[in-house]
C-alpha atoms as a PDB file:
ATOM      1  CA  MET A   1      -0.022   0.017  -0.013  1.00  0.00           C
ATOM      2  CA  PHE A   2       2.993   2.272   0.378  1.00  0.00           C
ATOM      3  CA  THR A   3       4.518   1.703  -3.124  1.00  0.00           C
ATOM      4  CA  ARG A   4       3.444   5.207  -4.284  1.00  0.00           C
ATOM      5  CA  TYR A   5       5.913   6.711  -1.910  1.00  0.00           C
ATOM      6  CA  LEU A   6       8.986   4.820  -3.271  1.00  0.00           C
ATOM      7  CA  LYS A   7       9.616   7.459  -5.922  1.00  0.00           C
ATOM      8  CA  LEU A   8      10.003  10.192  -3.300  1.00  0.00           C
ATOM      9  CA  PRO A   9      13.357  11.143  -1.777  1.00  0.00           C
ATOM     10  CA  LEU A  10      14.154   8.596   1.010  1.00  0.00           C
ATOM     11  CA  LEU A  11      13.988  11.038   3.922  1.00  0.00           C
ATOM     12  CA  ILE A  12      10.614  12.439   2.783  1.00  0.00           C
ATOM     13  CA  ALA A  13       9.215   8.962   2.236  1.00  0.00           C
ATOM     14  CA  LEU A  14      10.328   7.882   5.742  1.00  0.00           C
ATOM     15  CA  SER A  15       8.810  10.965   7.321  1.00  0.00           C
ATOM     16  CA  LEU A  16       5.506  10.310   5.582  1.00  0.00           C
ATOM     17  CA  LEU A  17       5.513   6.641   6.712  1.00  0.00           C
ATOM     18  CA  THR A  18       6.234   7.706  10.312  1.00  0.00           C
ATOM     19  CA  VAL A  19       3.237  10.037  10.275  1.00  0.00           C
ATOM     20  CA  ILE A  20       0.995   7.313   8.805  1.00  0.00           C
ATOM     21  CA  ALA A  21       2.194   4.839  11.474  1.00  0.00           C
ATOM     22  CA  ALA A  22       1.407   7.424  14.194  1.00  0.00           C
ATOM     23  CA  VAL A  23      -2.102   7.756  12.908  1.00  0.00           C
ATOM     24  CA  ILE A  24      -2.762   4.053  12.438  1.00  0.00           C
ATOM     25  CA  PHE A  25      -1.049   2.633  15.446  1.00  0.00           C
ATOM     26  CA  GLY A  26      -1.115   5.511  18.005  1.00  0.00           C
ATOM     27  CA  VAL A  27       2.681   5.854  17.781  1.00  0.00           C
ATOM     28  CA  SER A  28       4.397   9.215  18.245  1.00  0.00           C
ATOM     29  CA  LYS A  29       8.113   9.705  17.699  1.00  0.00           C
ATOM     30  CA  ALA A  30      10.682  12.371  18.467  1.00  0.00           C
ATOM     31  CA  ASP A  31      14.463  12.137  18.043  1.00  0.00           C
ATOM     32  CA  ALA A  32      14.951  10.088  21.153  1.00  0.00           C
ATOM     33  CA  LEU A  33      11.411   9.455  22.490  1.00  0.00           C
ATOM     34  CA  GLN A  34       8.928   6.999  21.048  1.00  0.00           C
ATOM     35  CA  VAL A  35       5.521   6.370  22.592  1.00  0.00           C
ATOM     36  CA  MET A  36       2.733   3.879  21.817  1.00  0.00           C
ATOM     37  CA  LEU A  37      -0.671   3.353  23.397  1.00  0.00           C
ATOM     38  CA  ARG A  38      -2.459  -0.083  23.688  1.00  0.00           C
ATOM     39  CA  PRO A  39      -5.316  -0.505  23.090  1.00  0.00           C
ATOM     40  CA  ASN A  40      -5.948   2.520  20.867  1.00  0.00           C
ATOM     41  CA  PRO A  41      -8.656   3.597  20.943  1.00  0.00           C
ATOM     42  CA  PRO A  42      -9.720   2.345  24.396  1.00  0.00           C
ATOM     43  CA  VAL A  43     -13.232   2.312  25.852  1.00  0.00           C
ATOM     44  CA  LEU A  44     -14.406   3.021  29.394  1.00  0.00           C
ATOM     45  CA  GLY A  45     -13.116   0.419  31.822  1.00  0.00           C
ATOM     46  CA  ASP A  46     -10.005  -0.414  29.776  1.00  0.00           C
ATOM     47  CA  THR A  47      -6.438  -0.412  31.044  1.00  0.00           C
ATOM     48  CA  VAL A  48      -4.264   1.580  28.658  1.00  0.00           C
ATOM     49  CA  SER A  49      -0.611   0.552  28.406  1.00  0.00           C
ATOM     50  CA  VAL A  50       1.747   3.340  27.593  1.00  0.00           C
ATOM     51  CA  TRP A  51       4.966   1.922  26.057  1.00  0.00           C
ATOM     52  CA  ILE A  52       7.917   4.352  25.961  1.00  0.00           C
ATOM     53  CA  ALA A  53      11.329   3.855  24.257  1.00  0.00           C
ATOM     54  CA  THR A  54      14.204   6.215  24.826  1.00  0.00           C
ATOM     55  CA  ASP A  55      17.722   6.470  23.371  1.00  0.00           C
ATOM     56  CA  LYS A  56      19.419   7.304  26.666  1.00  0.00           C
ATOM     57  CA  LYS A  57      19.967   4.600  29.291  1.00  0.00           C
ATOM     58  CA  THR A  58      19.782   7.029  32.271  1.00  0.00           C
ATOM     59  CA  GLY A  59      17.581   4.897  34.499  1.00  0.00           C
ATOM     60  CA  VAL A  60      15.381   7.910  35.147  1.00  0.00           C
ATOM     61  CA  PRO A  61      11.739   7.032  34.398  1.00  0.00           C
ATOM     62  CA  PRO A  62       9.758   9.235  32.075  1.00  0.00           C
ATOM     63  CA  THR A  63       6.652  10.994  33.318  1.00  0.00           C
ATOM     64  CA  VAL A  64       3.203  10.144  32.048  1.00  0.00           C
ATOM     65  CA  LEU A  65       0.265  12.454  32.686  1.00  0.00           C
ATOM     66  CA  VAL A  66      -3.436  12.511  31.679  1.00  0.00           C
ATOM     67  CA  ASP A  67      -5.639  15.430  32.863  1.00  0.00           C
ATOM     68  CA  ARG A  68      -2.730  16.576  35.097  1.00  0.00           C
ATOM     69  CA  LYS A  69      -2.673  13.226  36.971  1.00  0.00           C
ATOM     70  CA  GLN A  70       0.665  11.411  36.860  1.00  0.00           C
ATOM     71  CA  PHE A  71       0.964   7.651  36.423  1.00  0.00           C
ATOM     72  CA  PRO A  72       4.143   5.734  37.354  1.00  0.00           C
ATOM     73  CA  ALA A  73       6.351   4.309  34.639  1.00  0.00           C
ATOM     74  CA  PHE A  74       8.350   1.135  35.163  1.00  0.00           C
ATOM     75  CA  GLN A  75      11.502   0.016  33.443  1.00  0.00           C
ATOM     76  CA  MET A  76      10.886  -3.092  31.284  1.00  0.00           C
ATOM     77  CA  SER A  77      14.321  -3.255  29.644  1.00  0.00           C
ATOM     78  CA  ALA A  78      17.418  -1.104  29.202  1.00  0.00           C
ATOM     79  CA  ASN A  79      15.651   1.721  27.454  1.00  0.00           C
ATOM     80  CA  ARG A  80      11.961   0.718  27.495  1.00  0.00           C
ATOM     81  CA  TRP A  81       9.341   1.769  29.971  1.00  0.00           C
ATOM     82  CA  ARG A  82       5.673   1.049  30.552  1.00  0.00           C
ATOM     83  CA  ALA A  83       2.909   2.866  32.425  1.00  0.00           C
ATOM     84  CA  PHE A  84      -0.707   2.006  32.973  1.00  0.00           C
ATOM     85  CA  ILE A  85      -3.648   4.464  32.621  1.00  0.00           C
ATOM     86  CA  PRO A  86      -6.788   3.051  34.200  1.00  0.00           C
ATOM     87  CA  THR A  87     -10.203   4.166  32.914  1.00  0.00           C
ATOM     88  CA  THR A  88     -13.591   3.629  34.644  1.00  0.00           C
ATOM     89  CA  PRO A  89     -17.296   3.882  34.009  1.00  0.00           C
ATOM     90  CA  LEU A  90     -17.240   7.238  35.895  1.00  0.00           C
ATOM     91  CA  ASP A  91     -14.795   8.829  33.429  1.00  0.00           C
ATOM     92  CA  GLN A  92     -15.927  11.180  30.711  1.00  0.00           C
ATOM     93  CA  ALA A  93     -15.624   9.682  27.280  1.00  0.00           C
ATOM     94  CA  GLY A  94     -13.995  11.798  24.623  1.00  0.00           C
ATOM     95  CA  LEU A  95     -10.599  13.057  23.512  1.00  0.00           C
ATOM     96  CA  LYS A  96      -7.799  12.892  26.131  1.00  0.00           C
ATOM     97  CA  GLN A  97      -4.198  13.962  25.884  1.00  0.00           C
ATOM     98  CA  VAL A  98      -1.438  11.701  27.113  1.00  0.00           C
ATOM     99  CA  VAL A  99       1.618  13.711  27.909  1.00  0.00           C
ATOM    100  CA  VAL A 100       5.022  11.889  28.079  1.00  0.00           C
ATOM    101  CA  LYS A 101       8.221  13.534  29.137  1.00  0.00           C
ATOM    102  CA  GLY A 102      11.609  11.945  28.935  1.00  0.00           C
ATOM    103  CA  ASP A 103      15.154  12.577  27.688  1.00  0.00           C
ATOM    104  CA  GLY A 104      14.402  16.286  27.823  1.00  0.00           C
ATOM    105  CA  LEU A 105      11.658  15.787  25.199  1.00  0.00           C
ATOM    106  CA  GLN A 106       7.896  15.849  25.343  1.00  0.00           C
ATOM    107  CA  GLN A 107       5.323  13.876  23.364  1.00  0.00           C
ATOM    108  CA  ILE A 108       1.585  14.577  23.410  1.00  0.00           C
ATOM    109  CA  LEU A 109      -0.521  11.713  22.072  1.00  0.00           C
ATOM    110  CA  PRO A 110      -4.287  11.993  21.451  1.00  0.00           C
ATOM    111  CA  MET A 111      -6.323   9.214  23.136  1.00  0.00           C
ATOM    112  CA  GLN A 112      -9.963   9.017  22.060  1.00  0.00           C
ATOM    113  CA  LEU A 113     -11.669   7.291  24.998  1.00  0.00           C
ATOM    114  CA  GLY A 114     -14.763   5.597  23.713  1.00  0.00           C
ATOM    115  CA  ASP A 115     -18.052   5.425  25.577  1.00  0.00           C
ATOM    116  CA  ARG A 116     -19.593   2.068  26.664  1.00  0.00           C
ATOM    117  CA  ASP A 117     -23.015   1.085  27.819  1.00  0.00           C
ATOM    118  CA  PHE A 118     -23.158  -0.545  31.243  1.00  0.00           C
ATOM    119  CA  PRO A 119     -26.232  -2.462  32.537  1.00  0.00           C
ATOM    120  CA  THR A 120     -28.276  -0.954  35.356  1.00  0.00           C
ATOM    121  CA  GLN A 121     -29.951  -2.499  38.391  1.00  0.00           C
ATOM    122  CA  SER A 122     -32.594  -1.194  40.765  1.00  0.00           C
ATOM    123  CA  ILE A 123     -32.017  -1.912  44.435  1.00  0.00           C
ATOM    124  CA  TRP A 124     -34.609  -1.177  47.126  1.00  0.00           C
ATOM    125  CA  LEU A 125     -33.326  -0.876  50.672  1.00  0.00           C
ATOM    126  CA  SER A 126     -35.265  -0.645  53.940  1.00  0.00           C
ATOM    127  CA  GLY A 127     -34.031   0.785  57.219  1.00  0.00           C
ATOM    128  CA  SER A 128     -30.940   2.860  57.655  1.00  0.00           C
ATOM    129  CA  GLY A 129     -28.658   0.612  55.643  1.00  0.00           C
ATOM    130  CA  SER A 130     -25.926   1.071  58.308  1.00  0.00           C
ATOM    131  CA  ASP A 131     -24.913  -2.581  57.841  1.00  0.00           C
ATOM    132  CA  LEU A 132     -23.780  -1.676  54.340  1.00  0.00           C
ATOM    133  CA  GLU A 133     -21.302   0.926  55.616  1.00  0.00           C
ATOM    134  CA  PRO A 134     -17.682  -0.137  56.236  1.00  0.00           C
ATOM    135  CA  THR A 135     -16.134   0.445  59.690  1.00  0.00           C
ATOM    136  CA  ASP A 136     -13.313   2.995  59.836  1.00  0.00           C
ATOM    137  CA  TYR A 137     -10.790   0.238  60.358  1.00  0.00           C
ATOM    138  CA  GLU A 138     -12.101  -1.681  57.348  1.00  0.00           C
ATOM    139  CA  TRP A 139     -12.121   1.473  55.158  1.00  0.00           C
ATOM    140  CA  ASP A 140      -8.542   2.468  56.111  1.00  0.00           C
ATOM    141  CA  LYS A 141      -7.148  -1.037  55.534  1.00  0.00           C
ATOM    142  CA  VAL A 142      -8.848  -1.486  52.139  1.00  0.00           C
ATOM    143  CA  SER A 143      -8.044   2.057  50.973  1.00  0.00           C
ATOM    144  CA  ALA A 144      -4.336   1.637  51.915  1.00  0.00           C
ATOM    145  CA  PHE A 145      -4.197  -1.666  50.052  1.00  0.00           C
ATOM    146  CA  LYS A 146      -5.643  -0.195  46.824  1.00  0.00           C
ATOM    147  CA  LYS A 147      -2.998   2.585  46.824  1.00  0.00           C
ATOM    148  CA  LEU A 148      -0.018   0.163  46.784  1.00  0.00           C
ATOM    149  CA  VAL A 149       2.467   0.663  43.962  1.00  0.00           C
ATOM    150  CA  THR A 150       5.421  -1.659  44.304  1.00  0.00           C
ATOM    151  CA  PRO A 151       8.166  -1.619  41.655  1.00  0.00           C
ATOM    152  CA  GLN A 152       8.365  -5.363  40.999  1.00  0.00           C
ATOM    153  CA  LYS A 153       6.131  -7.103  38.516  1.00  0.00           C
ATOM    154  CA  PHE A 154       4.909 -10.565  39.737  1.00  0.00           C
ATOM    155  CA  TRP A 155       2.294 -11.548  37.179  1.00  0.00           C
ATOM    156  CA  ASN A 156       3.004 -13.137  33.873  1.00  0.00           C
ATOM    157  CA  GLY A 157       0.545 -13.524  31.000  1.00  0.00           C
ATOM    158  CA  VAL A 158      -3.199 -13.844  31.365  1.00  0.00           C
ATOM    159  CA  PHE A 159      -4.938 -13.929  34.731  1.00  0.00           C
ATOM    160  CA  LEU A 160      -6.772 -17.107  35.725  1.00  0.00           C
ATOM    161  CA  LYS A 161     -10.444 -17.360  36.658  1.00  0.00           C
ATOM    162  CA  PRO A 162     -10.465 -17.088  40.482  1.00  0.00           C
ATOM    163  CA  ASN A 163     -13.501 -19.336  40.881  1.00  0.00           C
ATOM    164  CA  GLU A 164     -15.377 -21.911  38.737  1.00  0.00           C
ATOM    165  CA  GLY A 165     -18.785 -20.430  39.423  1.00  0.00           C
ATOM    166  CA  GLU A 166     -20.891 -18.644  36.764  1.00  0.00           C
ATOM    167  CA  ILE A 167     -20.694 -14.919  36.511  1.00  0.00           C
ATOM    168  CA  THR A 168     -23.802 -13.323  38.074  1.00  0.00           C
ATOM    169  CA  THR A 169     -22.811  -9.620  38.034  1.00  0.00           C
ATOM    170  CA  GLY A 170     -20.283  -8.230  35.645  1.00  0.00           C
ATOM    171  CA  PHE A 171     -17.993  -5.236  35.877  1.00  0.00           C
ATOM    172  CA  GLY A 172     -19.414  -1.726  35.695  1.00  0.00           C
ATOM    173  CA  VAL A 173     -23.050  -2.376  36.466  1.00  0.00           C
ATOM    174  CA  ARG A 174     -24.692   0.922  37.520  1.00  0.00           C
ATOM    175  CA  ARG A 175     -27.476   1.100  40.163  1.00  0.00           C
ATOM    176  CA  TYR A 176     -30.574   2.915  41.256  1.00  0.00           C
ATOM    177  CA  TYR A 177     -31.053   2.914  45.019  1.00  0.00           C
ATOM    178  CA  ASN A 178     -34.715   3.386  46.026  1.00  0.00           C
ATOM    179  CA  GLY A 179     -35.372   4.965  42.579  1.00  0.00           C
ATOM    180  CA  GLU A 180     -32.377   7.377  42.681  1.00  0.00           C
ATOM    181  CA  PHE A 181     -29.432   6.900  40.330  1.00  0.00           C
ATOM    182  CA  ALA A 182     -26.110   6.518  42.210  1.00  0.00           C
ATOM    183  CA  ASN A 183     -23.763   8.787  40.182  1.00  0.00           C
ATOM    184  CA  ASP A 184     -20.614   7.670  41.994  1.00  0.00           C
ATOM    185  CA  TYR A 185     -21.363   3.915  41.983  1.00  0.00           C
ATOM    186  CA  TYR A 186     -20.404   1.158  39.660  1.00  0.00           C
ATOM    187  CA  HIS A 187     -19.841  -2.525  40.352  1.00  0.00           C
ATOM    188  CA  ARG A 188     -16.150  -2.600  41.041  1.00  0.00           C
ATOM    189  CA  GLY A 189     -15.464  -6.196  40.031  1.00  0.00           C
ATOM    190  CA  ILE A 190     -16.989  -9.475  38.945  1.00  0.00           C
ATOM    191  CA  ASP A 191     -19.249 -11.744  41.046  1.00  0.00           C
ATOM    192  CA  TYR A 192     -19.006 -15.532  40.723  1.00  0.00           C
ATOM    193  CA  ALA A 193     -21.813 -17.721  42.018  1.00  0.00           C
ATOM    194  CA  GLY A 194     -19.483 -20.390  43.356  1.00  0.00           C
ATOM    195  CA  GLY A 195     -20.816 -22.971  45.744  1.00  0.00           C
ATOM    196  CA  TYR A 196     -20.275 -22.343  49.474  1.00  0.00           C
ATOM    197  CA  GLY A 197     -16.749 -23.519  50.371  1.00  0.00           C
ATOM    198  CA  SER A 198     -15.600 -23.852  46.790  1.00  0.00           C
ATOM    199  CA  PRO A 199     -11.955 -22.783  46.306  1.00  0.00           C
ATOM    200  CA  VAL A 200     -10.863 -19.255  45.473  1.00  0.00           C
ATOM    201  CA  ILE A 201      -7.521 -19.194  43.679  1.00  0.00           C
ATOM    202  CA  ALA A 202      -4.975 -16.405  42.981  1.00  0.00           C
ATOM    203  CA  PRO A 203      -5.440 -15.353  39.350  1.00  0.00           C
ATOM    204  CA  ALA A 204      -1.785 -14.337  39.206  1.00  0.00           C
ATOM    205  CA  ALA A 205       1.282 -14.367  41.432  1.00  0.00           C
ATOM    206  CA  GLY A 206       1.839 -11.758  44.051  1.00  0.00           C
ATOM    207  CA  TYR A 207       2.191 -10.988  47.723  1.00  0.00           C
ATOM    208  CA  VAL A 208      -0.728 -11.084  50.203  1.00  0.00           C
ATOM    209  CA  ARG A 209      -0.886  -7.562  51.535  1.00  0.00           C
ATOM    210  CA  LEU A 210      -4.404  -7.528  53.057  1.00  0.00           C
ATOM    211  CA  VAL A 211      -6.233 -10.035  55.249  1.00  0.00           C
ATOM    212  CA  GLY A 212      -9.381  -8.783  56.955  1.00  0.00           C
ATOM    213  CA  THR A 213     -12.032 -10.636  58.886  1.00  0.00           C
ATOM    214  CA  VAL A 214     -15.526 -10.002  60.138  1.00  0.00           C
ATOM    215  CA  SER A 215     -14.304 -10.338  63.709  1.00  0.00           C
ATOM    216  CA  GLN A 216     -11.867  -7.422  63.010  1.00  0.00           C
ATOM    217  CA  GLY A 217     -14.675  -5.152  61.713  1.00  0.00           C
ATOM    218  CA  PHE A 218     -14.919  -6.032  57.989  1.00  0.00           C
ATOM    219  CA  ARG A 219     -18.626  -5.482  58.094  1.00  0.00           C
ATOM    220  CA  LEU A 220     -19.110  -4.634  54.394  1.00  0.00           C
ATOM    221  CA  HIS A 221     -16.429  -6.661  52.645  1.00  0.00           C
ATOM    222  CA  GLY A 222     -16.690  -9.725  54.925  1.00  0.00           C
ATOM    223  CA  ASN A 223     -13.602 -11.974  55.139  1.00  0.00           C
ATOM    224  CA  THR A 224     -11.216 -10.445  52.624  1.00  0.00           C
ATOM    225  CA  VAL A 225      -7.875 -11.190  50.935  1.00  0.00           C
ATOM    226  CA  GLY A 226      -5.873  -8.724  48.902  1.00  0.00           C
ATOM    227  CA  VAL A 227      -2.988  -9.778  46.597  1.00  0.00           C
ATOM    228  CA  ASP A 228      -0.469  -7.304  45.274  1.00  0.00           C
ATOM    229  CA  HIS A 229       0.620  -8.300  41.744  1.00  0.00           C
ATOM    230  CA  GLY A 230       3.115  -5.424  41.527  1.00  0.00           C
ATOM    231  CA  GLN A 231       3.405  -2.125  39.680  1.00  0.00           C
ATOM    232  CA  GLY A 232       0.086  -0.814  40.950  1.00  0.00           C
ATOM    233  CA  VAL A 233      -1.981  -3.939  40.081  1.00  0.00           C
ATOM    234  CA  GLU A 234      -3.995  -5.542  42.901  1.00  0.00           C
ATOM    235  CA  SER A 235      -6.721  -8.177  43.315  1.00  0.00           C
ATOM    236  CA  ILE A 236      -9.176  -8.130  46.145  1.00  0.00           C
ATOM    237  CA  PHE A 237     -11.485 -11.096  47.113  1.00  0.00           C
ATOM    238  CA  LEU A 238     -14.556 -10.496  49.266  1.00  0.00           C
ATOM    239  CA  HIS A 239     -17.176 -12.453  51.281  1.00  0.00           C
ATOM    240  CA  LEU A 240     -14.966 -15.466  51.924  1.00  0.00           C
ATOM    241  CA  SER A 241     -15.923 -18.248  54.278  1.00  0.00           C
ATOM    242  CA  GLU A 242     -12.371 -19.286  54.906  1.00  0.00           C
ATOM    243  CA  ILE A 243      -8.914 -17.718  54.460  1.00  0.00           C
ATOM    244  CA  TYR A 244      -5.889 -19.927  53.791  1.00  0.00           C
ATOM    245  CA  VAL A 245      -3.128 -17.260  53.690  1.00  0.00           C
ATOM    246  CA  LYS A 246      -1.690 -14.536  55.863  1.00  0.00           C
ATOM    247  CA  GLU A 247      -0.262 -11.093  55.130  1.00  0.00           C
ATOM    248  CA  GLY A 248       3.276 -11.378  53.768  1.00  0.00           C
ATOM    249  CA  ASP A 249       2.729 -14.723  52.021  1.00  0.00           C
ATOM    250  CA  PHE A 250       3.756 -14.959  48.399  1.00  0.00           C
ATOM    251  CA  VAL A 251       1.188 -16.876  46.305  1.00  0.00           C
ATOM    252  CA  LYS A 252       1.552 -18.402  42.910  1.00  0.00           C
ATOM    253  CA  ALA A 253      -1.049 -18.297  40.106  1.00  0.00           C
ATOM    254  CA  GLY A 254      -3.650 -21.008  40.767  1.00  0.00           C
ATOM    255  CA  GLN A 255      -2.849 -21.363  44.451  1.00  0.00           C
ATOM    256  CA  ALA A 256      -5.903 -21.614  46.724  1.00  0.00           C
ATOM    257  CA  ILE A 257      -6.142 -18.529  48.973  1.00  0.00           C
ATOM    258  CA  GLY A 258      -9.624 -19.072  50.553  1.00  0.00           C
ATOM    259  CA  ALA A 259     -13.134 -20.334  50.005  1.00  0.00           C
ATOM    260  CA  VAL A 260     -16.358 -18.894  48.791  1.00  0.00           C
ATOM    261  CA  GLY A 261     -18.778 -17.643  51.473  1.00  0.00           C
ATOM    262  CA  ALA A 262     -21.456 -15.075  52.277  1.00  0.00           C
ATOM    263  CA  THR A 263     -19.755 -12.901  54.919  1.00  0.00           C
ATOM    264  CA  GLY A 264     -20.244  -9.157  54.984  1.00  0.00           C
ATOM    265  CA  ALA A 265     -22.902  -7.488  52.836  1.00  0.00           C
ATOM    266  CA  ALA A 266     -23.843 -10.545  50.825  1.00  0.00           C
ATOM    267  CA  THR A 267     -27.319 -11.992  50.107  1.00  0.00           C
ATOM    268  CA  GLY A 268     -25.862 -15.418  49.415  1.00  0.00           C
ATOM    269  CA  PRO A 269     -22.672 -17.370  48.755  1.00  0.00           C
ATOM    270  CA  HIS A 270     -20.558 -15.827  45.999  1.00  0.00           C
ATOM    271  CA  LEU A 271     -17.085 -14.439  45.269  1.00  0.00           C
ATOM    272  CA  HIS A 272     -16.518 -10.830  44.439  1.00  0.00           C
ATOM    273  CA  TRP A 273     -13.161 -10.302  42.684  1.00  0.00           C
ATOM    274  CA  GLY A 274     -12.065  -6.773  42.050  1.00  0.00           C
ATOM    275  CA  LEU A 275      -8.976  -5.882  40.005  1.00  0.00           C
ATOM    276  CA  TYR A 276      -7.401  -2.483  40.581  1.00  0.00           C
ATOM    277  CA  VAL A 277      -4.843  -0.529  38.615  1.00  0.00           C
ATOM    278  CA  ASN A 278      -3.236   2.515  40.121  1.00  0.00           C
ATOM    279  CA  GLY A 279      -6.071   2.666  42.651  1.00  0.00           C
ATOM    280  CA  GLU A 280      -8.997   2.378  40.149  1.00  0.00           C
ATOM    281  CA  SER A 281     -11.232  -0.591  39.639  1.00  0.00           C
ATOM    282  CA  ILE A 282     -10.920  -1.629  35.963  1.00  0.00           C
ATOM    283  CA  ASN A 283     -12.541  -4.234  33.647  1.00  0.00           C
ATOM    284  CA  PRO A 284     -10.639  -7.510  34.141  1.00  0.00           C
ATOM    285  CA  VAL A 285     -11.696  -8.981  30.758  1.00  0.00           C
ATOM    286  CA  ALA A 286      -8.526  -8.061  28.850  1.00  0.00           C
ATOM    287  CA  TRP A 287      -6.405  -9.245  31.766  1.00  0.00           C
ATOM    288  CA  ARG A 288      -8.264 -12.567  31.720  1.00  0.00           C
ATOM    289  CA  TYR A 289      -8.290 -13.322  28.056  1.00  0.00           C
ATOM    290  CA  GLU A 290      -5.603 -11.269  26.292  1.00  0.00           C
ATOM    291  CA  GLY A 291      -3.032 -10.461  28.987  1.00  0.00           C
ATOM    292  CA  VAL A 292      -1.847  -6.940  29.821  1.00  0.00           C
ATOM    293  CA  GLU A 293       1.849  -6.379  30.172  1.00  0.00           C
END
């Protein structure tokens, strides 16, 4: 398809092909700074990988910003870096600018964030609903866990299914509570209707950084395990009947970490698995079936 450029002077032809590649593949290039976005374009809930190549091997990570929020970049090889940009159902779809700075250069890549329809549910609650509110201890522990950004990468390839039950509630479901739309709510994970006591496995390797129980005040989440997969990626597992690990344990992909239960705010036995990237709950589908590196 590029044969018509062969008659042009070499430098001009290469420049044109570079521009075409940037348009088609979301690649932007300066003298010593190359940036690529995957997927491009993304839709709400996607995790966007920002791949950065530099000429200099300084060991100083580039900076990656979207809407003035900075996301950490991690060194993947001598002069290659990768950052994750999480997107959620609460984000505004439309054109975003990804600003990357490194080697004294700056690249600004357009990112067209596509909209996506999420199912809705109507929930009718009676009483004060105080049993749905987390305790201060529970809230502080879970919030601190979701903010973890450790430099090592522990996962490899696609994430495993954490339970063999059927999916009953998918990621991103929006809700009406007593007829009022909850603007700041979306289902931050996937629910599996596993049988009571059925095994819950680690979908990927990582360190157990959170263990919480009902007896400790985990009123909303129930018995909980959180696994840090590294580089800002965490899994959290809720409503467990049993916990087989302790904080500080390193678990391998496929290792049993607990059993399905109905503890906390649960109407019946099921597993809630939430996957977080840089503190935001994202759609796990790409991580499960394609792998995100």
